[in-house]
């Protein structure tokens, strides 16, 4: 008898580069405040998570 092996799939979350994120926002007519410059997208998500 053969033992079946269980494969664990790791999921990775896509995180865009900040410059690409800003460009995407400009296409939608939005703009980040100057106070958020230098912050990562992950930190902004934590700050505005509700």
Protein backbone atom coordinates (compact mmCIF):
# COMPACT_ATOMS: atom_id res chain seq x y z
CA UNK A 1 0.00 0.00 0.00
CA UNK A 2 1.14 3.49 -0.81
CA UNK A 3 0.93 6.28 1.70
CA UNK A 4 -0.61 9.41 0.31
CA UNK A 5 1.29 12.58 0.86
CA UNK A 6 -0.51 15.74 1.83
CA UNK A 7 0.71 18.85 0.15
CA UNK A 8 0.21 22.14 1.89
CA UNK A 9 -0.38 25.02 -0.45
CA UNK A 10 0.84 28.36 0.76
CA UNK A 11 -1.21 31.28 -0.42
CA UNK A 12 0.52 34.54 -1.01
CA UNK A 13 -1.32 37.82 -1.02
CA UNK A 14 -0.58 40.24 -3.81
CA UNK A 15 0.82 43.53 -2.53
CA UNK A 16 1.34 46.20 -5.19
CA UNK A 17 4.26 48.59 -5.11
CA UNK A 18 3.33 51.97 -3.65
CA UNK A 19 4.16 53.81 -6.88
CA UNK A 20 1.85 51.52 -8.86
CA UNK A 21 -0.86 51.99 -6.23
CA UNK A 22 -0.62 55.79 -6.55
CA UNK A 23 -0.86 55.54 -10.34
CA UNK A 24 -3.94 53.34 -10.02
CA UNK A 25 -5.56 55.87 -7.70
CA UNK A 26 -4.86 58.69 -10.16
CA UNK A 27 -6.72 56.78 -12.89
CA UNK A 28 -9.71 56.63 -10.54
CA UNK A 29 -9.47 60.36 -9.81
CA UNK A 30 -8.22 59.87 -6.25
CA UNK A 31 -5.09 61.07 -4.50
CA UNK A 32 -3.28 60.09 -1.31
CA UNK A 33 -2.79 62.72 1.34
CA UNK A 34 0.79 63.94 1.73
CA UNK A 35 0.77 62.68 5.32
CA UNK A 36 0.72 59.06 4.12
CA UNK A 37 3.86 59.38 1.98
CA UNK A 38 6.44 56.88 3.12
CA UNK A 39 3.92 54.48 4.63
CA UNK A 40 3.40 51.00 3.27
CA UNK A 41 0.10 49.76 1.88
CA UNK A 42 -0.10 47.22 4.71
CA UNK A 43 0.23 49.95 7.35
CA UNK A 44 -2.46 52.02 5.62
CA UNK A 45 -4.79 49.02 5.57
CA UNK A 46 -4.26 48.52 9.31
CA UNK A 47 -4.87 52.21 9.97
CA UNK A 48 -8.14 52.36 8.02
CA UNK A 49 -9.47 48.84 8.70
CA UNK A 50 -12.96 48.91 10.11
